[in-house]
Protein backbone atom coordinates (compact mmCIF):
# COMPACT_ATOMS: atom_id res chain seq x y z
CA MET A 1 -14.27 -73.93 46.72
CA ARG A 2 -12.82 -77.37 45.93
CA LEU A 3 -15.48 -79.94 45.09
CA ALA A 4 -14.66 -83.63 44.68
CA PHE A 5 -17.07 -85.91 42.83
CA ILE A 6 -16.80 -89.65 43.56
CA ASP A 7 -18.28 -92.15 41.10
CA LEU A 8 -17.75 -95.90 41.37
CA VAL A 9 -19.22 -96.88 37.98
CA PHE A 10 -18.57 -93.80 35.85
CA SER A 11 -18.57 -94.11 32.07
CA TRP A 12 -17.71 -91.59 29.37
CA PRO A 13 -19.05 -91.64 26.74
CA PRO A 14 -22.05 -92.00 29.04
CA LEU A 15 -24.01 -95.19 29.56
CA GLY A 16 -27.29 -93.97 31.00
CA GLY A 17 -28.46 -90.85 32.77
CA ALA A 18 -26.26 -90.93 35.90
CA PRO A 19 -22.97 -89.95 34.19
CA LEU A 20 -24.82 -87.22 32.26
CA ASP A 21 -26.18 -85.82 35.52
CA LEU A 22 -22.70 -85.79 37.05
CA TYR A 23 -21.23 -84.22 33.90
CA TYR A 24 -23.65 -81.28 33.84
CA THR A 25 -23.61 -80.79 37.61
CA ALA A 26 -19.81 -80.72 37.79
CA SER A 27 -19.57 -78.54 34.67
CA GLY A 28 -22.15 -76.10 36.01
CA LEU A 29 -20.39 -75.77 39.35
CA LYS A 30 -17.11 -75.20 37.57
CA ASP A 31 -18.77 -72.42 35.56
CA LEU A 32 -19.78 -70.82 38.87
CA GLY A 33 -16.09 -70.57 39.77
CA HIS A 34 -15.55 -73.72 41.83
CA GLU A 35 -12.58 -76.03 41.40
CA VAL A 36 -13.93 -79.45 40.43
CA ARG A 37 -12.32 -82.86 40.19
CA LEU A 38 -13.88 -86.24 39.47
CA PHE A 39 -12.44 -89.32 41.17
CA TYR A 40 -13.74 -92.43 39.45
CA ALA A 41 -13.15 -96.13 39.99
CA SER A 42 -11.03 -97.44 37.15
CA GLN A 43 -12.08 -101.08 37.36
CA THR A 44 -12.73 -102.24 33.80
CA GLU A 45 -11.92 -105.81 34.87
CA ASN A 46 -14.86 -105.86 37.25
CA TRP A 47 -17.60 -103.82 35.55
CA LEU A 48 -16.41 -104.50 31.98
CA LEU A 49 -16.61 -100.80 31.15
CA ASP A 50 -14.58 -99.13 28.43
CA PRO A 51 -11.85 -96.77 29.70
CA VAL A 52 -13.14 -93.31 30.58
CA GLN A 53 -12.21 -90.78 27.87
CA GLU A 54 -10.95 -88.11 30.24
CA GLU A 55 -9.90 -85.80 27.40
CA ARG A 56 -13.58 -85.32 26.53
CA LEU A 57 -14.48 -84.02 29.99
CA PRO A 58 -14.44 -80.25 30.69
CA PHE A 59 -13.18 -80.75 34.25
CA GLU A 60 -10.31 -82.61 35.89
CA ALA A 61 -10.76 -86.36 36.22
CA GLN A 62 -8.61 -88.86 38.07
CA GLY A 63 -9.04 -92.60 37.80
CA VAL A 64 -8.48 -94.66 40.94
CA PRO A 65 -7.11 -97.99 39.62
CA LEU A 66 -8.67 -101.04 41.24
CA SER A 67 -7.90 -104.63 40.37
CA ARG A 68 -10.44 -107.37 40.92
CA ALA A 69 -8.59 -108.35 44.10
CA GLU A 70 -8.98 -104.79 45.41
CA THR A 71 -12.76 -104.85 45.09
CA THR A 72 -13.25 -105.07 48.83
CA PRO A 73 -14.73 -102.48 51.19
CA GLU A 74 -11.43 -101.93 53.00
CA ARG A 75 -9.20 -101.66 49.91
CA MET A 76 -11.59 -99.54 47.88
CA GLY A 77 -12.19 -97.18 50.78
CA ALA A 78 -8.46 -96.84 51.40
CA ARG A 79 -7.64 -96.17 47.73
CA PHE A 80 -10.22 -93.41 47.45
CA ARG A 81 -9.20 -91.90 50.78
CA GLU A 82 -5.58 -91.74 49.62
CA ALA A 83 -6.50 -90.10 46.30
CA VAL A 84 -8.95 -87.59 47.74
CA ASP A 85 -6.76 -86.66 50.72
CA ALA A 86 -3.97 -85.72 48.32
CA TRP A 87 -6.29 -83.10 46.78
CA ARG A 88 -8.00 -81.96 50.01
CA PRO A 89 -11.45 -80.82 48.81
CA ASP A 90 -13.87 -78.70 50.81
CA VAL A 91 -16.89 -80.87 49.96
CA VAL A 92 -17.25 -84.40 48.58
CA PHE A 93 -20.16 -85.45 46.38
CA GLN A 94 -20.85 -89.20 46.47
CA CYS A 95 -22.39 -90.02 43.10
CA PHE A 96 -23.27 -93.34 41.45
CA GLY A 97 -22.34 -96.55 43.21
CA PHE A 98 -23.91 -99.70 44.56
CA PHE A 99 -22.89 -101.91 47.48
CA MET A 100 -19.45 -100.26 47.84
CA LYS A 101 -20.78 -96.73 48.13
CA PRO A 102 -21.32 -96.81 51.93
CA TYR A 103 -17.71 -97.90 52.50
CA VAL A 104 -16.18 -95.22 50.31
CA SER A 105 -18.42 -92.70 52.08
CA LEU A 106 -17.34 -93.90 55.53
CA ALA A 107 -13.69 -93.80 54.45
CA LEU A 108 -14.16 -90.11 53.58
CA SER A 109 -16.27 -89.21 56.61
CA HIS A 110 -13.75 -86.54 57.65
CA TYR A 111 -15.12 -84.37 54.81
CA PRO A 112 -18.57 -82.78 54.53
CA GLN A 113 -20.35 -85.09 52.08
CA VAL A 114 -23.36 -84.84 49.80
CA ALA A 115 -24.90 -88.06 48.47
CA ARG A 116 -26.67 -88.25 45.13
CA TYR A 117 -29.06 -91.16 44.54
CA TYR A 118 -30.04 -91.66 40.91
CA ALA A 119 -32.48 -94.53 41.38
CA TYR A 120 -33.28 -96.68 44.43
CA GLU A 121 -29.79 -97.95 45.24
CA PRO A 122 -30.14 -97.94 49.06
CA PHE A 123 -33.70 -99.27 49.01
CA CYS A 124 -33.56 -102.29 46.68
CA PRO A 125 -30.52 -104.58 46.87
CA ARG A 126 -32.00 -106.88 44.23
CA ASP A 127 -31.62 -104.47 41.31
CA TYR A 128 -32.13 -100.91 42.71
CA ARG A 129 -35.54 -100.57 41.00
CA LEU A 130 -38.15 -101.35 43.66
CA TYR A 131 -39.96 -103.43 41.05
CA TRP A 132 -41.11 -106.99 41.64
CA LYS A 133 -43.52 -109.34 39.83
CA LYS A 134 -44.40 -106.75 37.18
CA LYS A 135 -45.36 -104.02 39.62
CA ALA A 136 -43.85 -101.46 41.99
CA CYS A 137 -42.63 -103.09 45.18
CA PRO A 138 -44.07 -101.66 48.43
CA LYS A 139 -41.08 -102.84 50.49
CA ASN A 140 -37.72 -101.15 50.88
CA TYR A 141 -34.44 -102.30 52.40
CA LEU A 142 -34.21 -99.54 55.00
CA GLN A 143 -37.59 -100.46 56.48
CA THR A 144 -37.84 -104.21 55.73
CA PRO A 145 -34.23 -105.47 55.54
CA ASN A 146 -34.98 -109.15 56.12
CA VAL A 147 -37.59 -109.35 53.36
CA CYS A 148 -35.31 -107.50 50.94
CA ARG A 149 -32.30 -109.67 51.79
CA ARG A 150 -34.20 -112.82 50.88
CA CYS A 151 -35.49 -111.27 47.66
CA ALA A 152 -32.00 -110.14 46.60
CA LEU A 153 -30.44 -113.50 47.37
CA ARG A 154 -33.03 -115.30 45.23
CA ASP A 155 -32.19 -113.07 42.29
CA ILE A 156 -28.42 -112.69 42.66
CA GLY A 157 -27.69 -116.21 43.94
CA PRO A 158 -27.80 -117.94 40.51
CA ALA A 159 -24.86 -115.80 39.33
CA PHE A 160 -22.62 -117.59 41.84
CA LYS A 161 -23.86 -121.01 40.75
CA ASN A 162 -23.13 -120.14 37.14
CA GLY A 163 -19.68 -118.82 37.97
CA VAL A 164 -20.51 -115.36 36.60
CA VAL A 165 -19.35 -113.14 39.43
CA ALA A 166 -18.49 -109.60 38.39
CA GLY A 167 -19.97 -106.15 38.73
CA TYR A 168 -23.11 -106.10 40.84
CA PRO A 169 -22.93 -109.72 42.16
CA LEU A 170 -19.23 -109.34 43.00
CA GLU A 171 -19.88 -106.23 45.08
CA TYR A 172 -22.80 -108.02 46.74
CA GLU A 173 -20.45 -110.84 47.73
CA GLN A 174 -17.48 -108.71 48.78
CA THR A 175 -19.55 -106.43 51.00
CA ARG A 176 -21.57 -109.32 52.47
CA ALA A 177 -24.64 -107.28 51.63
CA TRP A 178 -26.90 -109.96 53.10
CA SER A 179 -25.48 -109.38 56.60
CA ARG A 180 -26.74 -107.26 59.46
CA GLN A 181 -23.38 -105.54 59.56
CA TYR A 182 -23.89 -104.28 56.02
CA TYR A 183 -27.25 -102.83 57.03
CA ARG A 184 -25.59 -100.99 59.93
CA ASP A 185 -22.82 -99.68 57.68
CA MET A 186 -25.26 -98.48 55.03
CA THR A 187 -27.55 -96.70 57.48
CA ASP A 188 -24.53 -95.16 59.24
CA SER A 189 -23.35 -93.74 55.93
CA ILE A 190 -26.80 -92.35 55.11
CA ARG A 191 -27.02 -90.64 58.50
CA SER A 192 -23.53 -89.18 58.07
CA TYR A 193 -24.30 -87.17 54.93
CA LYS A 194 -24.64 -83.42 55.37
CA ALA A 195 -27.16 -83.48 52.51
CA ILE A 196 -28.75 -86.01 50.17
CA ILE A 197 -30.02 -85.19 46.68
CA VAL A 198 -32.83 -87.20 45.09
CA TYR A 199 -34.93 -86.71 41.97
CA ASN A 200 -38.46 -86.88 43.41
CA HIS A 201 -40.54 -86.64 46.56
CA PHE A 202 -41.33 -90.37 46.56
CA THR A 203 -37.63 -91.10 47.11
CA LYS A 204 -37.38 -88.39 49.74
CA GLY A 205 -40.16 -90.12 51.66
CA LEU A 206 -38.23 -93.40 51.69
CA LEU A 207 -35.39 -91.67 53.58
CA ARG A 208 -37.64 -90.31 56.31
CA GLY A 209 -36.17 -91.13 59.71
CA PHE A 210 -32.65 -91.71 58.35
CA ASN A 211 -31.61 -88.23 57.22
CA ASP A 212 -33.44 -84.91 57.61
CA HIS A 213 -31.39 -83.06 54.98
CA VAL A 214 -32.87 -84.48 51.78
CA HIS A 215 -33.18 -82.16 48.77
CA VAL A 216 -35.37 -82.88 45.76
CA ILE A 217 -33.44 -81.60 42.74
CA GLY A 218 -34.54 -82.78 39.33
CA GLY A 219 -32.15 -83.45 36.52
CA GLY A 220 -31.85 -81.16 33.57
CA VAL A 221 -31.55 -80.70 29.84
CA HIS A 222 -28.76 -79.04 27.91
CA LEU A 223 -31.11 -76.85 25.89
CA GLU A 224 -28.57 -76.10 23.19
CA ASP A 225 -28.76 -79.77 22.18
CA PHE A 226 -32.55 -79.86 21.81
CA THR A 227 -33.92 -77.61 19.10
CA TYR A 228 -37.39 -76.26 19.67
CA THR A 229 -39.36 -77.33 16.60
CA PRO A 230 -42.97 -76.08 16.55
CA LEU A 231 -45.50 -78.71 15.53
CA LYS A 232 -46.80 -78.31 11.99
CA GLU A 233 -50.33 -78.82 10.75
CA LYS A 234 -50.80 -82.35 9.40
CA ALA A 235 -52.00 -82.99 5.86
CA PRO A 236 -55.11 -85.24 5.78
CA GLU A 237 -53.09 -88.21 4.52
CA GLU A 238 -50.27 -87.79 7.06
CA LYS A 239 -50.20 -89.93 10.17
CA SER A 240 -49.45 -88.49 13.59
CA ILE A 241 -46.32 -89.97 15.14
CA ILE A 242 -46.48 -91.18 18.75
CA LEU A 243 -42.93 -91.73 20.02
CA MET A 244 -41.70 -93.95 22.85
CA SER A 245 -38.02 -93.20 23.31
CA GLY A 246 -35.47 -94.71 25.70
CA ARG A 247 -35.04 -98.37 26.68
CA ALA A 248 -38.39 -99.44 25.27
CA ASP A 249 -37.56 -103.15 25.50
CA ASP A 250 -37.10 -102.93 29.29
CA PRO A 251 -40.16 -104.61 30.89
CA THR A 252 -40.42 -101.83 33.47
CA LYS A 253 -40.95 -99.21 30.75
CA GLY A 254 -44.51 -100.28 29.90
CA LEU A 255 -44.29 -101.09 26.19
CA ASP A 256 -47.01 -103.74 26.63
CA VAL A 257 -49.36 -101.06 28.00
CA LEU A 258 -48.69 -98.90 24.94
CA TRP A 259 -49.34 -101.87 22.62
CA GLU A 260 -52.72 -102.44 24.25
CA ALA A 261 -53.58 -98.74 24.04
CA GLY A 262 -52.54 -98.75 20.39
CA LYS A 263 -54.83 -101.69 19.64
CA LEU A 264 -57.77 -99.90 21.24
CA LEU A 265 -57.16 -96.79 19.15
CA TRP A 266 -56.54 -98.73 15.92
CA ARG A 267 -60.03 -100.22 16.08
CA GLU A 268 -61.51 -96.75 15.68
CA ARG A 269 -58.91 -94.87 13.63
CA GLN A 270 -55.80 -95.43 11.51
CA ASP A 271 -54.37 -91.91 11.47
CA PHE A 272 -51.39 -92.58 13.75
CA GLU A 273 -48.20 -94.60 14.00
CA ILE A 274 -46.46 -95.58 17.22
CA GLN A 275 -42.66 -95.60 16.98
CA ALA A 276 -40.34 -97.00 19.63
CA THR A 277 -36.58 -97.31 20.07
CA LEU A 278 -36.18 -101.07 20.17
CA ASN A 279 -35.12 -103.95 17.91
CA THR A 280 -38.10 -106.23 18.52
CA ASP A 281 -40.09 -107.61 15.58
CA VAL A 282 -43.39 -105.70 15.66
CA SER A 283 -44.77 -106.77 12.28
CA LYS A 284 -47.95 -108.16 13.88
CA TYR A 285 -48.93 -104.62 14.88
CA PRO A 286 -49.88 -102.58 11.76
CA PHE A 287 -49.73 -99.35 13.74
CA PHE A 288 -46.24 -99.94 15.16
CA LYS A 289 -42.72 -99.22 13.89
CA SER A 290 -39.46 -100.29 15.50
CA LEU A 291 -36.71 -97.66 15.27
CA GLY A 292 -33.87 -99.85 16.56
CA TRP A 293 -31.10 -98.53 18.78
CA ASN A 294 -29.69 -95.16 17.78
CA ASP A 295 -27.11 -92.63 18.87
CA VAL A 296 -27.94 -89.47 20.79
CA GLU A 297 -28.24 -87.22 17.73
CA LYS A 298 -30.60 -89.63 15.99
CA SER A 299 -32.75 -89.75 19.12
CA ARG A 300 -33.05 -85.96 19.06
CA GLN A 301 -34.20 -86.19 15.45
CA PHE A 302 -36.93 -88.64 16.48
CA TYR A 303 -38.29 -86.07 18.94
CA ARG A 304 -38.40 -83.41 16.24
CA GLU A 305 -40.18 -85.75 13.81
CA SER A 306 -42.80 -86.86 16.35
CA ASP A 307 -46.10 -85.27 17.33
CA ILE A 308 -46.63 -86.83 20.77
CA CYS A 309 -44.22 -88.43 23.23
CA VAL A 310 -45.44 -91.21 25.51
CA ILE A 311 -43.72 -92.65 28.60
CA PRO A 312 -45.83 -95.53 29.96
CA SER A 313 -43.45 -96.63 32.73
CA LYS A 314 -44.57 -99.16 35.34
CA TRP A 315 -41.82 -98.62 37.91
CA GLU A 316 -41.27 -95.48 39.98
CA GLU A 317 -39.22 -93.70 37.33
CA PRO A 318 -36.71 -91.68 39.42
CA PHE A 319 -36.64 -88.69 37.10
CA GLY A 320 -37.89 -88.84 33.51
CA LEU A 321 -35.16 -87.54 31.21
CA VAL A 322 -37.11 -88.51 28.09
CA ALA A 323 -40.00 -86.27 29.17
CA THR A 324 -37.76 -83.23 29.63
CA GLU A 325 -36.01 -83.86 26.30
CA ALA A 326 -39.31 -84.22 24.43
CA MET A 327 -40.73 -81.10 26.11
CA ALA A 328 -37.56 -79.20 25.20
CA CYS A 329 -38.33 -80.02 21.56
CA GLY A 330 -41.89 -78.75 21.98
CA ARG A 331 -43.71 -82.07 22.19
CA PRO A 332 -46.67 -82.82 24.47
CA CYS A 333 -46.07 -85.80 26.76
CA VAL A 334 -48.41 -88.51 28.01
CA VAL A 335 -46.89 -90.20 31.06
CA SER A 336 -47.87 -92.63 33.79
CA ASP A 337 -48.32 -91.43 37.37
CA VAL A 338 -44.98 -92.69 38.65
CA GLY A 339 -41.95 -91.22 40.42
CA GLY A 340 -40.46 -88.14 38.86
CA LEU A 341 -42.63 -88.20 35.73
CA GLN A 342 -45.65 -86.87 37.58
CA GLU A 343 -43.54 -83.97 38.86
CA ILE A 344 -42.27 -83.02 35.39
CA VAL A 345 -45.48 -83.09 33.35
CA VAL A 346 -48.36 -80.80 34.32
CA SER A 347 -51.50 -82.70 33.35
CA GLY A 348 -53.78 -80.64 31.13
CA GLU A 349 -51.03 -78.08 30.48
CA THR A 350 -47.92 -79.78 29.06
CA GLY A 351 -49.53 -83.17 28.41
CA TYR A 352 -51.47 -85.76 30.36
CA ILE A 353 -50.85 -88.07 33.31
CA TYR A 354 -52.72 -91.37 33.49
CA ARG A 355 -52.76 -94.17 36.06
CA ARG A 356 -50.04 -96.72 35.38
CA ASN A 357 -50.91 -100.08 33.80
CA ARG A 358 -54.21 -98.71 32.44
CA PRO A 359 -54.14 -98.95 28.63
CA LYS A 360 -57.66 -97.57 28.24
CA GLU A 361 -56.74 -94.42 30.16
CA LEU A 362 -53.59 -94.09 28.06
CA ALA A 363 -55.65 -94.49 24.87
CA ASP A 364 -58.08 -91.80 26.08
CA CYS A 365 -55.21 -89.34 26.64
CA LEU A 366 -53.69 -90.07 23.24
CA ARG A 367 -57.09 -89.70 21.57
CA LYS A 368 -57.48 -86.16 22.91
CA LEU A 369 -54.16 -85.16 21.39
CA LEU A 370 -54.74 -86.98 18.10
CA ASP A 371 -58.09 -85.20 17.74
CA ASP A 372 -56.77 -81.68 18.28
CA SER A 373 -53.66 -80.34 16.53
CA ALA A 374 -54.04 -76.94 18.21
CA LEU A 375 -54.02 -78.65 21.61
CA ARG A 376 -50.83 -80.51 20.68
CA ARG A 377 -49.12 -77.25 19.72
CA ARG A 378 -50.35 -75.43 22.82
CA MET A 379 -49.17 -78.18 25.17
CA GLY A 380 -45.88 -78.53 23.29
CA ASP A 381 -45.21 -74.80 23.62
CA ALA A 382 -46.07 -74.90 27.33
CA GLY A 383 -43.73 -77.85 27.80
CA ARG A 384 -40.83 -76.00 26.20
CA LYS A 385 -41.41 -73.00 28.49
CA ARG A 386 -41.56 -75.27 31.55
CA VAL A 387 -38.23 -76.87 30.63
CA GLU A 388 -36.64 -73.47 30.04
CA ASN A 389 -37.80 -72.28 33.46
CA MET A 390 -37.22 -75.42 35.53
CA TYR A 391 -35.00 -77.98 33.80
CA ASP A 392 -32.33 -76.05 31.91
CA TRP A 393 -29.11 -77.31 33.51
CA LYS A 394 -27.76 -73.80 34.03
CA GLN A 395 -30.94 -72.83 35.89
CA VAL A 396 -30.89 -76.04 37.97
CA ILE A 397 -27.33 -75.40 39.17
CA ARG A 398 -27.85 -71.71 39.94
CA ARG A 399 -31.16 -72.25 41.69
CA HIS A 400 -30.15 -75.09 43.99
CA TYR A 401 -26.43 -75.56 44.51
CA PRO A 402 -25.12 -72.28 46.04
CA SER A 403 -27.54 -72.56 48.98
CA LEU A 404 -26.91 -76.32 49.23
CA LEU A 405 -23.15 -75.80 49.56
CA GLU A 406 -23.71 -73.08 52.13
CA GLU A 407 -25.87 -75.45 54.18
CA VAL A 408 -23.33 -78.28 53.95
CA LEU A 409 -20.49 -76.10 55.22
CA GLN A 410 -22.39 -74.66 58.20
């Protein structure tokens, strides 16, 4: 079967989790015997992305060149239709994209299409996060378009006043995403998909009434890259390492909650150190260490050197790649009760789940693990087994995609 993957902001080497998801999905389907080709928007002038290193991809990739002047719904749709029609796939996967995604989808509506949403792109035109005023936003564009239009305009509008119009703001302008017509075009595209893939059941619920063929398929881990390292017994003078990996300086990630939890614990004990991947000066916190930004291999080393992994996110984390990576290394995880995180971690078995924005609850969970090295090892071992059974990329592809493709082609 010929499978085309469309990505409007693809990067390789990858910038974020979306290109990694596409990479392993396309690679896995190729390993199952399918013919795979990626069609990506080559628009470095607009998104300021480095050129895609096609030679490092294990499947065919074809850039669709787009100048800044061609960043319009009509031109972009036509360019992708021309490229894809020349290859004639059996199924088209619509991957990462923002305001232009509906128009490329509609331009390819003569193919059976599967949409993949990596965050909340169709629900939050402001910044695709559903996060407002330091908390999860209860609104969403499909249900409350007028409210969300005003919110997006307040946030994106200053870019036009400052003359900085590229990437996200440019697509917002070119698609007239504030208009009622855009809402109709987006909802038409959502209804047209033969299937939609999302990371968690929260996202699936947001699509209720717009498409009945929504599949919850989590991301995965390439297990060969994450060495299982059993936790060792700590010497009395050794401190336990609590790791916060990922974009720790992002306000939605909950670093401030972890700081408060750390302060509560430090008043009663000094046998731990919190480490986080950020460049912020943390000298005022004696229990805290900044690891700076690091490459992928260094990040894997941090997992192996840690004792506990914590993910204190405030927003509805779509998946939770850090949790699966830490569990693959055999580390217990303490996570907030958001989005995909609460579907990855089994509280009391592979770690703990606490209510978001509650530093005392987070401190209580961390205390249990700091007090009991055997519990840490037991939960770490259980986490590794859960990842092997549910989040190994090879297992994810084999478990979900053959039946999905069969459904799409019916």
